Amino acid sequence: MLAVDLTRGWNLSTIDVMRVRLLEYLAGHGPLQVAGLPGSAQAGASDHDTAIHVLQDFNARGWLDNFEMDFGGGVAMRLSGLGRTEWDAIARRRADWGARNRALKDAIVYWL
């Protein structure tokens, strides 16, 4: 499970948001094969390094099958059963409107 509190979406770090979005993408689109990581040339080295870090983290957690990287920045991967289970847990939390309303109220009170 991600080491972040997704019940309070307003406090997610940039890397946590990237993790959730990548899980969402892989769950919805199946296997991913990219010749170069998206934005690696335009966004600069820090975004590229962050993306690499997230992918390596997913692989270490067992969330990816067939994870391969080449020296040119190309990647190939598929969401594993563990990765699908993690995504399903996030999707269930997103679908819980009661919890989302409580989180919204908490965020407004925190902001005030």
Protein backbone atom coordinates (compact mmCIF):
# COMPACT_ATOMS: atom_id res chain seq x y z
CA MET A 1 0.00 0.00 0.00
CA LEU A 2 1.20 3.52 -0.72
CA ALA A 3 2.77 5.12 2.31
CA VAL A 4 0.54 8.18 2.07
CA ASP A 5 -2.79 9.09 3.61
CA LEU A 6 -5.06 9.26 0.58
CA THR A 7 -8.06 10.17 2.75
CA ARG A 8 -6.69 13.72 2.70
CA GLY A 9 -5.93 14.24 -0.97
CA TRP A 10 -5.13 17.88 -0.41
CA ASN A 11 -1.86 17.04 1.33
CA LEU A 12 -0.32 14.74 -1.28
CA SER A 13 3.20 15.50 -2.40
CA THR A 14 4.06 15.79 -6.08
CA ILE A 15 5.66 12.35 -6.11
CA ASP A 16 2.58 10.80 -4.43
CA VAL A 17 0.35 12.34 -7.08
CA MET A 18 2.66 10.95 -9.77
CA ARG A 19 2.43 7.48 -8.19
CA VAL A 20 -1.36 7.53 -8.15
CA ARG A 21 -1.58 8.82 -11.73
CA LEU A 22 0.82 6.18 -13.02
CA LEU A 23 -1.14 3.43 -11.25
CA GLU A 24 -4.34 4.84 -12.71
CA TYR A 25 -2.86 4.95 -16.21
CA LEU A 26 -1.52 1.40 -16.07
CA ALA A 27 -4.81 0.08 -14.67
CA GLY A 28 -6.80 1.73 -17.45
CA HIS A 29 -4.52 1.20 -20.43
CA GLY A 30 -2.79 -2.12 -19.93
CA PRO A 31 0.86 -2.67 -20.85
CA LEU A 32 2.96 0.43 -21.37
CA GLN A 33 5.86 0.71 -23.78
CA VAL A 34 7.51 4.10 -24.18
CA ALA A 35 10.53 4.88 -26.34
CA GLY A 36 11.50 7.65 -23.90
CA LEU A 37 9.84 8.63 -20.66
CA PRO A 38 7.19 11.30 -21.25
CA GLY A 39 8.56 14.79 -20.84
CA SER A 40 12.12 13.64 -20.26
CA ALA A 41 13.56 15.95 -22.90
CA GLN A 42 11.28 18.92 -22.28
CA ALA A 43 10.80 18.92 -18.51
CA GLY A 44 14.41 18.51 -17.44
CA ALA A 45 16.40 15.93 -15.57
CA SER A 46 14.59 16.25 -12.24
CA ASP A 47 11.22 15.15 -13.66
CA HIS A 48 12.90 12.33 -15.57
CA ASP A 49 14.73 11.19 -12.44
CA THR A 50 11.51 11.34 -10.42
CA ALA A 51 9.68 9.21 -13.00
CA ILE A 52 12.53 6.67 -12.96
CA HIS A 53 12.42 6.61 -9.14
CA VAL A 54 8.65 6.00 -9.13
CA LEU A 55 8.95 3.16 -11.66
CA GLN A 56 11.77 1.52 -9.71
CA ASP A 57 9.72 1.87 -6.52
CA PHE A 58 6.72 0.20 -8.18
CA ASN A 59 8.94 -2.61 -9.41
CA ALA A 60 10.45 -3.12 -5.93
CA ARG A 61 6.94 -3.31 -4.43
CA GLY A 62 6.01 -6.00 -6.95
CA TRP A 63 3.40 -3.83 -8.67
CA LEU A 64 4.90 -4.32 -12.15
CA ASP A 65 5.40 -7.34 -14.38
CA ASN A 66 7.92 -7.39 -17.22
CA PHE A 67 9.57 -4.13 -16.13
CA GLU A 68 12.44 -3.30 -18.47
CA MET A 69 14.49 -0.15 -18.98
CA ASP A 70 17.09 0.53 -21.63
CA PHE A 71 19.90 3.06 -21.64
CA GLY A 72 17.98 5.41 -23.95
CA GLY A 73 15.22 5.96 -21.37
CA GLY A 74 12.81 3.48 -22.95
CA VAL A 75 10.60 1.50 -20.61
CA ALA A 76 8.20 -1.41 -20.88
CA MET A 77 5.96 -2.60 -18.06
CA ARG A 78 2.63 -4.09 -17.13
CA LEU A 79 0.67 -3.80 -13.89
CA SER A 80 0.95 -7.00 -11.81
CA GLY A 81 -1.74 -8.55 -9.66
CA LEU A 82 -0.38 -6.71 -6.61
CA GLY A 83 -0.42 -3.44 -8.55
CA ARG A 84 -4.02 -4.08 -9.62
CA THR A 85 -4.98 -4.75 -5.98
CA GLU A 86 -3.37 -1.44 -4.93
CA TRP A 87 -5.20 0.42 -7.68
CA ASP A 88 -8.52 -1.21 -6.70
CA ALA A 89 -8.04 0.01 -3.11
CA ILE A 90 -7.41 3.58 -4.35
CA ALA A 91 -10.44 3.39 -6.66
CA ARG A 92 -12.63 2.23 -3.75
CA ARG A 93 -11.47 5.18 -1.64
CA ARG A 94 -12.19 7.54 -4.53
CA ALA A 95 -15.71 6.12 -4.86
CA ASP A 96 -16.47 6.64 -1.13
CA TRP A 97 -18.31 9.95 -1.31
CA GLY A 98 -18.82 10.09 2.46
CA ALA A 99 -15.08 9.95 3.08
CA ARG A 100 -14.45 12.45 0.28
CA ASN A 101 -16.95 14.88 1.80
CA ARG A 102 -15.30 14.55 5.21
CA ALA A 103 -11.89 15.15 3.62
CA LEU A 104 -13.24 18.23 1.85
CA LYS A 105 -14.64 19.61 5.10
CA ASP A 106 -11.31 18.91 6.84
CA ALA A 107 -9.43 20.69 4.05
CA ILE A 108 -11.69 23.76 4.29
CA VAL A 109 -11.33 23.91 8.08
CA TYR A 110 -7.57 23.50 7.73
CA TRP A 111 -7.47 26.29 5.14
CA LEU A 112 -9.48 28.65 7.36
